Amino acid sequence: MNEERRQIIVKEIEHWSRSKLLPDQYCDFLLNLYADQEQREQDGKKPRARRESSYAVAKALMAAQRASGKYWLLTFGFFTLISFVVLYFNAFHPLLQIAVSLLGVSGLMWAGSRIRRRNEAGGLALSGAAMLLLLGSGLYMLELHELTEWGWKTALLAFCAIFWIIYGIAARIQTFHFCGWIAAVLVYAWLLSSFLGTPSWYEPQLYWLPIAGIFGWASWFIHRLSKPVSAVLFAMCAVLWFMPELYAMLFIDEPILLQIQLLLKIAIGGGLLFSLRKQWIVWVA
């Protein structure tokens, strides 16, 4: 009897929704309420996350059922356009390829910024997809047009690094900011390896340690203006502190020497962090 009553009530709520007698959000709330009661009676101790997932699917199906032909046409038209672009991308003019790629990046960034207001993880996922699309489409077009020289790829990575840094600071996303500096470090390492050849055992220290000091100083200088930016710069200072050893691994075949240098760096770095802990914790906290 209870089940029959519930079915009658659900049909009545659906009639209210179709007839616009009540706003959609009220009807959805009532439907979810009765669905929640039915689910609890049937499954008892089923995990809450699973129930919420089933409710979301049911709500999506209801939304699809109520959608007008205009929305269905726009949805299928959008996916048809994406399929057309993917299939015929190679036949486009290079300028059109660049425009399409930038349009896709801009669309993902816009969607990510909108969704991030309600769902942080979803917004970051879309923004991250935009950053990967920027780099991936650039590399693909370079290969497509046989621009395989290292200078083109270095220029592309440098552009992505600058863009990620600027966007990360502007959107207050430390992950993108940090990834931008990592990309810039890779560009610097690439340039060193291309122009300077095989270094001596002490030269990598001269290439990287002054830059680590600059980042450390910048972290101190910026912390009064922005703690998140200061934290990223301090993390980059720590990364650059060990970059000489990482860089030397690619060119110097002396593992014992590299291990000794790495152990000394760890000891010196740990001592500096301990002795200056009252200062750098203020910068990043």
C-alpha atoms as a PDB file:
ATOM      1  CA  MET A   1       0.000   0.000   0.000  1.00  0.00           C
ATOM      2  CA  ASN A   2       2.804   2.398   0.818  1.00  0.00           C
ATOM      3  CA  GLU A   3       4.428   1.641  -2.512  1.00  0.00           C
ATOM      4  CA  GLU A   4       1.199   2.369  -4.409  1.00  0.00           C
ATOM      5  CA  ARG A   5       0.779   5.655  -2.533  1.00  0.00           C
ATOM      6  CA  ARG A   6       4.343   6.648  -3.328  1.00  0.00           C
ATOM      7  CA  GLN A   7       3.878   5.909  -7.026  1.00  0.00           C
ATOM      8  CA  ILE A   8       0.731   8.043  -7.102  1.00  0.00           C
ATOM      9  CA  ILE A   9       2.550  10.915  -5.393  1.00  0.00           C
ATOM     10  CA  VAL A  10       5.501  10.653  -7.789  1.00  0.00           C
ATOM     11  CA  LYS A  11       3.185  10.717 -10.817  1.00  0.00           C
ATOM     12  CA  GLU A  12       1.426  13.745  -9.377  1.00  0.00           C
ATOM     13  CA  ILE A  13       4.723  15.578  -8.864  1.00  0.00           C
ATOM     14  CA  GLU A  14       5.736  14.757 -12.445  1.00  0.00           C
ATOM     15  CA  HIS A  15       2.376  16.146 -13.608  1.00  0.00           C
ATOM     16  CA  TRP A  16       3.074  19.353 -11.652  1.00  0.00           C
ATOM     17  CA  SER A  17       6.482  19.607 -13.305  1.00  0.00           C
ATOM     18  CA  ARG A  18       5.143  19.111 -16.837  1.00  0.00           C
ATOM     19  CA  SER A  19       2.273  21.533 -16.242  1.00  0.00           C
ATOM     20  CA  LYS A  20       4.592  24.133 -14.645  1.00  0.00           C
ATOM     21  CA  LEU A  21       2.349  24.259 -11.600  1.00  0.00           C
ATOM     22  CA  LEU A  22       5.473  24.328  -9.418  1.00  0.00           C
ATOM     23  CA  PRO A  23       9.014  25.493 -10.205  1.00  0.00           C
ATOM     24  CA  ASP A  24      11.335  22.751 -11.449  1.00  0.00           C
ATOM     25  CA  GLN A  25      13.619  22.959  -8.420  1.00  0.00           C
ATOM     26  CA  TYR A  26      10.671  22.271  -6.071  1.00  0.00           C
ATOM     27  CA  CYS A  27       9.566  19.304  -8.148  1.00  0.00           C
ATOM     28  CA  ASP A  28      13.106  17.932  -8.266  1.00  0.00           C
ATOM     29  CA  PHE A  29      13.383  18.302  -4.500  1.00  0.00           C
ATOM     30  CA  LEU A  30      10.153  16.410  -3.907  1.00  0.00           C
ATOM     31  CA  LEU A  31      11.097  13.661  -6.356  1.00  0.00           C
ATOM     32  CA  ASN A  32      14.488  13.255  -4.738  1.00  0.00           C
ATOM     33  CA  LEU A  33      12.847  13.170  -1.323  1.00  0.00           C
ATOM     34  CA  TYR A  34      10.523  10.320  -2.238  1.00  0.00           C
ATOM     35  CA  ALA A  35      13.256   8.532  -4.169  1.00  0.00           C
ATOM     36  CA  ASP A  36      15.475   8.836  -1.086  1.00  0.00           C
ATOM     37  CA  GLN A  37      12.792   7.254   1.089  1.00  0.00           C
ATOM     38  CA  GLU A  38      12.277   4.405  -1.356  1.00  0.00           C
ATOM     39  CA  GLN A  39      16.012   3.798  -1.641  1.00  0.00           C
ATOM     40  CA  ARG A  40      16.461   3.683   2.146  1.00  0.00           C
ATOM     41  CA  GLU A  41      13.623   1.188   2.501  1.00  0.00           C
ATOM     42  CA  GLN A  42      14.960  -1.091  -0.209  1.00  0.00           C
ATOM     43  CA  ASP A  43      18.719  -0.950   0.400  1.00  0.00           C
ATOM     44  CA  GLY A  44      18.954   0.013   4.047  1.00  0.00           C
ATOM     45  CA  LYS A  45      22.642   0.544   4.644  1.00  0.00           C
ATOM     46  CA  LYS A  46      23.792   1.248   1.087  1.00  0.00           C
ATOM     47  CA  PRO A  47      26.662   3.806   1.073  1.00  0.00           C
ATOM     48  CA  ARG A  48      25.601   7.422   0.777  1.00  0.00           C
ATOM     49  CA  ALA A  49      27.958   8.112  -2.134  1.00  0.00           C
ATOM     50  CA  ARG A  50      26.320   5.349  -4.139  1.00  0.00           C
ATOM     51  CA  ARG A  51      22.843   6.702  -3.418  1.00  0.00           C
ATOM     52  CA  GLU A  52      23.853  10.204  -4.461  1.00  0.00           C
ATOM     53  CA  SER A  53      25.321   8.816  -7.689  1.00  0.00           C
ATOM     54  CA  SER A  54      22.075   7.027  -8.541  1.00  0.00           C
ATOM     55  CA  TYR A  55      20.086  10.180  -7.758  1.00  0.00           C
ATOM     56  CA  ALA A  56      22.336  12.215 -10.033  1.00  0.00           C
ATOM     57  CA  VAL A  57      21.802   9.745 -12.870  1.00  0.00           C
ATOM     58  CA  ALA A  58      18.055   9.802 -12.315  1.00  0.00           C
ATOM     59  CA  LYS A  59      18.045  13.587 -12.266  1.00  0.00           C
ATOM     60  CA  ALA A  60      20.065  13.702 -15.490  1.00  0.00           C
ATOM     61  CA  LEU A  61      17.616  11.332 -17.165  1.00  0.00           C
ATOM     62  CA  MET A  62      14.702  13.477 -16.051  1.00  0.00           C
ATOM     63  CA  ALA A  63      16.420  16.579 -17.379  1.00  0.00           C
ATOM     64  CA  ALA A  64      17.009  14.837 -20.701  1.00  0.00           C
ATOM     65  CA  GLN A  65      13.361  13.814 -20.805  1.00  0.00           C
ATOM     66  CA  ARG A  66      12.176  17.385 -20.225  1.00  0.00           C
ATOM     67  CA  ALA A  67      14.678  18.955 -22.636  1.00  0.00           C
ATOM     68  CA  SER A  68      13.199  20.604 -25.690  1.00  0.00           C
ATOM     69  CA  GLY A  69      14.133  19.872 -29.269  1.00  0.00           C
ATOM     70  CA  LYS A  70      16.243  23.042 -29.328  1.00  0.00           C
ATOM     71  CA  TYR A  71      18.588  21.706 -26.639  1.00  0.00           C
ATOM     72  CA  TRP A  72      18.836  18.299 -28.283  1.00  0.00           C
ATOM     73  CA  LEU A  73      19.686  19.979 -31.594  1.00  0.00           C
ATOM     74  CA  LEU A  74      22.349  22.171 -29.975  1.00  0.00           C
ATOM     75  CA  THR A  75      23.888  19.195 -28.146  1.00  0.00           C
ATOM     76  CA  PHE A  76      24.150  16.976 -31.205  1.00  0.00           C
ATOM     77  CA  GLY A  77      25.279  19.923 -33.318  1.00  0.00           C
ATOM     78  CA  PHE A  78      28.080  20.633 -30.852  1.00  0.00           C
ATOM     79  CA  PHE A  79      29.340  17.055 -30.894  1.00  0.00           C
ATOM     80  CA  THR A  80      29.044  16.954 -34.692  1.00  0.00           C
ATOM     81  CA  LEU A  81      31.183  20.096 -34.913  1.00  0.00           C
ATOM     82  CA  ILE A  82      33.834  18.580 -32.626  1.00  0.00           C
ATOM     83  CA  SER A  83      33.886  15.390 -34.721  1.00  0.00           C
ATOM     84  CA  PHE A  84      34.270  17.433 -37.906  1.00  0.00           C
ATOM     85  CA  VAL A  85      37.182  19.422 -36.466  1.00  0.00           C
ATOM     86  CA  VAL A  86      38.963  16.278 -35.234  1.00  0.00           C
ATOM     87  CA  LEU A  87      38.530  14.433 -38.544  1.00  0.00           C
ATOM     88  CA  TYR A  88      39.541  17.314 -40.844  1.00  0.00           C
ATOM     89  CA  PHE A  89      41.985  19.199 -38.608  1.00  0.00           C
ATOM     90  CA  ASN A  90      44.999  18.214 -40.747  1.00  0.00           C
ATOM     91  CA  ALA A  91      43.349  19.663 -43.870  1.00  0.00           C
ATOM     92  CA  PHE A  92      42.863  23.110 -42.319  1.00  0.00           C
ATOM     93  CA  HIS A  93      45.103  26.055 -43.104  1.00  0.00           C
ATOM     94  CA  PRO A  94      47.802  26.515 -40.413  1.00  0.00           C
ATOM     95  CA  LEU A  95      46.215  29.791 -39.272  1.00  0.00           C
ATOM     96  CA  LEU A  96      42.843  28.070 -38.957  1.00  0.00           C
ATOM     97  CA  GLN A  97      44.473  25.244 -36.997  1.00  0.00           C
ATOM     98  CA  ILE A  98      45.943  27.762 -34.574  1.00  0.00           C
ATOM     99  CA  ALA A  99      42.606  29.568 -34.264  1.00  0.00           C
ATOM    100  CA  VAL A 100      40.710  26.329 -33.610  1.00  0.00           C
ATOM    101  CA  SER A 101      43.252  25.244 -30.993  1.00  0.00           C
ATOM    102  CA  LEU A 102      43.133  28.595 -29.201  1.00  0.00           C
ATOM    103  CA  LEU A 103      39.326  28.550 -29.347  1.00  0.00           C
ATOM    104  CA  GLY A 104      39.316  25.127 -27.690  1.00  0.00           C
ATOM    105  CA  VAL A 105      41.765  26.282 -25.027  1.00  0.00           C
ATOM    106  CA  SER A 106      39.715  29.414 -24.342  1.00  0.00           C
ATOM    107  CA  GLY A 107      36.491  27.410 -24.121  1.00  0.00           C
ATOM    108  CA  LEU A 108      37.949  24.965 -21.605  1.00  0.00           C
ATOM    109  CA  MET A 109      39.408  27.800 -19.535  1.00  0.00           C
ATOM    110  CA  TRP A 110      36.085  29.644 -19.517  1.00  0.00           C
ATOM    111  CA  ALA A 111      34.185  26.497 -18.535  1.00  0.00           C
ATOM    112  CA  GLY A 112      36.785  25.714 -15.868  1.00  0.00           C
ATOM    113  CA  SER A 113      36.517  29.164 -14.308  1.00  0.00           C
ATOM    114  CA  ARG A 114      32.709  28.939 -14.235  1.00  0.00           C
ATOM    115  CA  ILE A 115      32.548  25.432 -12.791  1.00  0.00           C
ATOM    116  CA  ARG A 116      35.316  26.145 -10.274  1.00  0.00           C
ATOM    117  CA  ARG A 117      32.952  28.490  -8.404  1.00  0.00           C
ATOM    118  CA  ARG A 118      30.747  25.494  -7.581  1.00  0.00           C
ATOM    119  CA  ASN A 119      33.122  22.559  -7.873  1.00  0.00           C
ATOM    120  CA  GLU A 120      36.822  23.163  -7.269  1.00  0.00           C
ATOM    121  CA  ALA A 121      38.011  19.766  -8.545  1.00  0.00           C
ATOM    122  CA  GLY A 122      35.890  19.895 -11.706  1.00  0.00           C
ATOM    123  CA  GLY A 123      37.002  23.417 -12.539  1.00  0.00           C
ATOM    124  CA  LEU A 124      40.666  22.570 -12.039  1.00  0.00           C
ATOM    125  CA  ALA A 125      40.275  19.480 -14.226  1.00  0.00           C
ATOM    126  CA  LEU A 126      38.893  21.536 -17.110  1.00  0.00           C
ATOM    127  CA  SER A 127      41.545  24.227 -16.666  1.00  0.00           C
ATOM    128  CA  GLY A 128      44.244  21.564 -16.607  1.00  0.00           C
ATOM    129  CA  ALA A 129      42.820  20.061 -19.781  1.00  0.00           C
ATOM    130  CA  ALA A 130      43.068  23.520 -21.376  1.00  0.00           C
ATOM    131  CA  MET A 131      46.755  23.785 -20.461  1.00  0.00           C
ATOM    132  CA  LEU A 132      47.487  20.309 -21.800  1.00  0.00           C
ATOM    133  CA  LEU A 133      45.563  21.096 -24.982  1.00  0.00           C
ATOM    134  CA  LEU A 134      47.683  24.219 -25.476  1.00  0.00           C
ATOM    135  CA  LEU A 135      50.920  22.241 -25.252  1.00  0.00           C
ATOM    136  CA  GLY A 136      49.656  19.124 -27.024  1.00  0.00           C
ATOM    137  CA  SER A 137      48.103  20.929 -29.986  1.00  0.00           C
ATOM    138  CA  GLY A 138      51.254  23.019 -30.386  1.00  0.00           C
ATOM    139  CA  LEU A 139      53.502  19.951 -30.466  1.00  0.00           C
ATOM    140  CA  TYR A 140      51.122  18.206 -32.857  1.00  0.00           C
ATOM    141  CA  MET A 141      51.117  21.130 -35.288  1.00  0.00           C
ATOM    142  CA  LEU A 142      54.910  21.350 -35.178  1.00  0.00           C
ATOM    143  CA  GLU A 143      55.150  17.662 -36.107  1.00  0.00           C
ATOM    144  CA  LEU A 144      52.410  18.031 -38.712  1.00  0.00           C
ATOM    145  CA  HIS A 145      54.268  20.827 -40.516  1.00  0.00           C
ATOM    146  CA  GLU A 146      57.692  19.182 -40.014  1.00  0.00           C
ATOM    147  CA  LEU A 147      59.008  21.924 -37.745  1.00  0.00           C
ATOM    148  CA  THR A 148      61.045  19.447 -35.727  1.00  0.00           C
ATOM    149  CA  GLU A 149      64.065  21.624 -34.918  1.00  0.00           C
ATOM    150  CA  TRP A 150      64.693  22.043 -31.205  1.00  0.00           C
ATOM    151  CA  GLY A 151      64.248  25.816 -31.434  1.00  0.00           C
ATOM    152  CA  TRP A 152      60.560  25.549 -32.350  1.00  0.00           C
ATOM    153  CA  LYS A 153      59.804  23.194 -29.487  1.00  0.00           C
ATOM    154  CA  THR A 154      61.786  25.346 -27.084  1.00  0.00           C
ATOM    155  CA  ALA A 155      59.856  28.437 -28.170  1.00  0.00           C
ATOM    156  CA  LEU A 156      56.544  26.609 -27.717  1.00  0.00           C
ATOM    157  CA  LEU A 157      57.494  25.387 -24.250  1.00  0.00           C
ATOM    158  CA  ALA A 158      58.685  28.872 -23.289  1.00  0.00           C
ATOM    159  CA  PHE A 159      55.359  30.345 -24.435  1.00  0.00           C
ATOM    160  CA  CYS A 160      53.420  27.740 -22.442  1.00  0.00           C
ATOM    161  CA  ALA A 161      55.619  28.419 -19.396  1.00  0.00           C
ATOM    162  CA  ILE A 162      54.908  32.160 -19.510  1.00  0.00           C
ATOM    163  CA  PHE A 163      51.201  31.570 -20.049  1.00  0.00           C
ATOM    164  CA  TRP A 164      50.939  29.049 -17.193  1.00  0.00           C
ATOM    165  CA  ILE A 165      52.769  31.378 -14.812  1.00  0.00           C
ATOM    166  CA  ILE A 166      50.582  34.362 -15.661  1.00  0.00           C
ATOM    167  CA  TYR A 167      47.352  32.383 -15.556  1.00  0.00           C
ATOM    168  CA  GLY A 168      48.341  30.579 -12.356  1.00  0.00           C
ATOM    169  CA  ILE A 169      49.007  33.870 -10.583  1.00  0.00           C
ATOM    170  CA  ALA A 170      45.901  35.579 -11.971  1.00  0.00           C
ATOM    171  CA  ALA A 171      43.558  32.665 -11.174  1.00  0.00           C
ATOM    172  CA  ARG A 172      45.314  31.900  -7.873  1.00  0.00           C
ATOM    173  CA  ILE A 173      46.062  28.319  -8.896  1.00  0.00           C
ATOM    174  CA  GLN A 174      49.468  27.489  -7.452  1.00  0.00           C
ATOM    175  CA  THR A 175      49.717  24.223  -9.393  1.00  0.00           C
ATOM    176  CA  PHE A 176      49.690  26.003 -12.766  1.00  0.00           C
ATOM    177  CA  HIS A 177      52.068  28.653 -11.454  1.00  0.00           C
ATOM    178  CA  PHE A 178      54.504  25.965 -10.299  1.00  0.00           C
ATOM    179  CA  CYS A 179      54.199  23.987 -13.549  1.00  0.00           C
ATOM    180  CA  GLY A 180      54.981  27.152 -15.487  1.00  0.00           C
ATOM    181  CA  TRP A 181      58.264  27.594 -13.630  1.00  0.00           C
ATOM    182  CA  ILE A 182      59.098  23.906 -14.118  1.00  0.00           C
ATOM    183  CA  ALA A 183      58.561  24.358 -17.859  1.00  0.00           C
ATOM    184  CA  ALA A 184      60.816  27.437 -17.774  1.00  0.00           C
ATOM    185  CA  VAL A 185      63.496  25.394 -15.984  1.00  0.00           C
ATOM    186  CA  LEU A 186      63.276  22.753 -18.726  1.00  0.00           C
ATOM    187  CA  VAL A 187      63.721  25.464 -21.359  1.00  0.00           C
ATOM    188  CA  TYR A 188      66.809  26.769 -19.543  1.00  0.00           C
ATOM    189  CA  ALA A 189      68.249  23.259 -19.247  1.00  0.00           C
ATOM    190  CA  TRP A 190      67.564  22.643 -22.930  1.00  0.00           C
ATOM    191  CA  LEU A 191      69.380  25.832 -23.908  1.00  0.00           C
ATOM    192  CA  LEU A 192      72.365  24.961 -21.709  1.00  0.00           C
ATOM    193  CA  SER A 193      72.687  21.510 -23.203  1.00  0.00           C
ATOM    194  CA  SER A 194      72.394  22.871 -26.752  1.00  0.00           C
ATOM    195  CA  PHE A 195      74.956  25.673 -26.520  1.00  0.00           C
ATOM    196  CA  LEU A 196      77.450  24.686 -23.822  1.00  0.00           C
ATOM    197  CA  GLY A 197      77.977  20.989 -24.457  1.00  0.00           C
ATOM    198  CA  THR A 198      79.448  18.678 -21.817  1.00  0.00           C
ATOM    199  CA  PRO A 199      80.197  20.643 -18.618  1.00  0.00           C
ATOM    200  CA  SER A 200      82.911  20.126 -16.021  1.00  0.00           C
ATOM    201  CA  TRP A 201      81.911  18.806 -12.596  1.00  0.00           C
ATOM    202  CA  TYR A 202      81.652  22.283 -11.044  1.00  0.00           C
ATOM    203  CA  GLU A 203      79.964  24.153 -13.916  1.00  0.00           C
ATOM    204  CA  PRO A 204      76.384  22.980 -13.226  1.00  0.00           C
ATOM    205  CA  GLN A 205      76.657  24.554  -9.775  1.00  0.00           C
ATOM    206  CA  LEU A 206      77.469  27.885 -11.433  1.00  0.00           C
ATOM    207  CA  TYR A 207      74.560  27.484 -13.860  1.00  0.00           C
ATOM    208  CA  TRP A 208      71.867  26.772 -11.279  1.00  0.00           C
ATOM    209  CA  LEU A 209      72.751  27.914  -7.763  1.00  0.00           C
ATOM    210  CA  PRO A 210      72.642  31.677  -8.508  1.00  0.00           C
ATOM    211  CA  ILE A 211      69.138  31.195  -9.948  1.00  0.00           C
ATOM    212  CA  ALA A 212      68.118  29.297  -6.805  1.00  0.00           C
ATOM    213  CA  GLY A 213      69.327  32.263  -4.772  1.00  0.00           C
ATOM    214  CA  ILE A 214      67.287  34.644  -6.920  1.00  0.00           C
ATOM    215  CA  PHE A 215      64.148  32.593  -6.345  1.00  0.00           C
ATOM    216  CA  GLY A 216      64.827  32.497  -2.612  1.00  0.00           C
ATOM    217  CA  TRP A 217      65.244  36.263  -2.527  1.00  0.00           C
ATOM    218  CA  ALA A 218      62.094  36.719  -4.643  1.00  0.00           C
ATOM    219  CA  SER A 219      60.150  34.532  -2.206  1.00  0.00           C
ATOM    220  CA  TRP A 220      61.187  36.807   0.650  1.00  0.00           C
ATOM    221  CA  PHE A 221      60.442  39.952  -1.370  1.00  0.00           C
ATOM    222  CA  ILE A 222      56.986  38.811  -2.561  1.00  0.00           C
ATOM    223  CA  HIS A 223      55.657  37.322   0.677  1.00  0.00           C
ATOM    224  CA  ARG A 224      54.284  40.671   1.864  1.00  0.00           C
ATOM    225  CA  LEU A 225      52.210  40.961  -1.313  1.00  0.00           C
ATOM    226  CA  SER A 226      51.121  37.364  -1.948  1.00  0.00           C
ATOM    227  CA  LYS A 227      51.779  34.336   0.234  1.00  0.00           C
ATOM    228  CA  PRO A 228      50.706  31.791  -2.455  1.00  0.00           C
ATOM    229  CA  VAL A 229      53.140  33.265  -4.989  1.00  0.00           C
ATOM    230  CA  SER A 230      55.865  33.359  -2.345  1.00  0.00           C
ATOM    231  CA  ALA A 231      55.244  29.680  -1.535  1.00  0.00           C
ATOM    232  CA  VAL A 232      55.621  28.689  -5.193  1.00  0.00           C
ATOM    233  CA  LEU A 233      58.857  30.678  -5.537  1.00  0.00           C
ATOM    234  CA  PHE A 234      60.223  29.070  -2.373  1.00  0.00           C
ATOM    235  CA  ALA A 235      59.368  25.601  -3.724  1.00  0.00           C
ATOM    236  CA  MET A 236      61.173  26.474  -6.953  1.00  0.00           C
ATOM    237  CA  CYS A 237      64.194  27.595  -4.926  1.00  0.00           C
ATOM    238  CA  ALA A 238      64.274  24.122  -3.361  1.00  0.00           C
ATOM    239  CA  VAL A 239      63.974  22.457  -6.779  1.00  0.00           C
ATOM    240  CA  LEU A 240      66.754  24.572  -8.274  1.00  0.00           C
ATOM    241  CA  TRP A 241      68.988  23.782  -5.290  1.00  0.00           C
ATOM    242  CA  PHE A 242      69.184  20.170  -6.520  1.00  0.00           C
ATOM    243  CA  MET A 243      69.085  20.913 -10.243  1.00  0.00           C
ATOM    244  CA  PRO A 244      72.904  20.868 -10.691  1.00  0.00           C
ATOM    245  CA  GLU A 245      73.002  17.208  -9.725  1.00  0.00           C
ATOM    246  CA  LEU A 246      69.976  16.348 -11.875  1.00  0.00           C
ATOM    247  CA  TYR A 247      71.474  18.210 -14.816  1.00  0.00           C
ATOM    248  CA  ALA A 248      74.903  16.633 -14.326  1.00  0.00           C
ATOM    249  CA  MET A 249      73.406  13.127 -14.398  1.00  0.00           C
ATOM    250  CA  LEU A 250      72.737  13.632 -18.110  1.00  0.00           C
ATOM    251  CA  PHE A 251      76.300  14.596 -18.999  1.00  0.00           C
ATOM    252  CA  ILE A 252      78.778  13.521 -16.310  1.00  0.00           C
ATOM    253  CA  ASP A 253      79.434   9.815 -15.919  1.00  0.00           C
ATOM    254  CA  GLU A 254      80.803   9.946 -12.389  1.00  0.00           C
ATOM    255  CA  PRO A 255      78.153   8.473 -10.079  1.00  0.00           C
ATOM    256  CA  ILE A 256      80.342   8.537  -6.954  1.00  0.00           C
ATOM    257  CA  LEU A 257      81.005  12.264  -7.336  1.00  0.00           C
ATOM    258  CA  LEU A 258      77.327  12.986  -7.976  1.00  0.00           C
ATOM    259  CA  GLN A 259      76.289  10.997  -4.914  1.00  0.00           C
ATOM    260  CA  ILE A 260      78.758  12.905  -2.732  1.00  0.00           C
ATOM    261  CA  GLN A 261      77.501  16.223  -4.101  1.00  0.00           C
ATOM    262  CA  LEU A 262      73.886  15.202  -3.531  1.00  0.00           C
ATOM    263  CA  LEU A 263      74.553  14.153   0.071  1.00  0.00           C
ATOM    264  CA  LEU A 264      76.358  17.425   0.752  1.00  0.00           C
ATOM    265  CA  LYS A 265      73.495  19.378  -0.805  1.00  0.00           C
ATOM    266  CA  ILE A 266      70.951  17.573   1.374  1.00  0.00           C
ATOM    267  CA  ALA A 267      73.001  18.257   4.517  1.00  0.00           C
ATOM    268  CA  ILE A 268      73.588  21.919   3.665  1.00  0.00           C
ATOM    269  CA  GLY A 269      69.983  22.451   2.575  1.00  0.00           C
ATOM    270  CA  GLY A 270      68.639  20.828   5.733  1.00  0.00           C
ATOM    271  CA  GLY A 271      70.907  23.006   7.866  1.00  0.00           C
ATOM    272  CA  LEU A 272      69.763  26.158   6.091  1.00  0.00           C
ATOM    273  CA  LEU A 273      66.086  25.227   6.454  1.00  0.00           C
ATOM    274  CA  PHE A 274      66.549  24.578  10.155  1.00  0.00           C
ATOM    275  CA  SER A 275      68.554  27.697  10.897  1.00  0.00           C
ATOM    276  CA  LEU A 276      66.236  29.959   8.872  1.00  0.00           C
ATOM    277  CA  ARG A 277      62.964  28.253   9.794  1.00  0.00           C
ATOM    278  CA  LYS A 278      61.558  31.321  11.554  1.00  0.00           C
ATOM    279  CA  GLN A 279      61.992  33.337   8.368  1.00  0.00           C
ATOM    280  CA  TRP A 280      60.890  31.002   5.556  1.00  0.00           C
ATOM    281  CA  ILE A 281      57.870  29.641   7.412  1.00  0.00           C
ATOM    282  CA  VAL A 282      56.522  33.210   7.508  1.00  0.00           C
ATOM    283  CA  TRP A 283      57.035  33.490   3.754  1.00  0.00           C
ATOM    284  CA  VAL A 284      54.973  30.446   2.843  1.00  0.00           C
ATOM    285  CA  ALA A 285      52.430  30.157   5.699  1.00  0.00           C
END
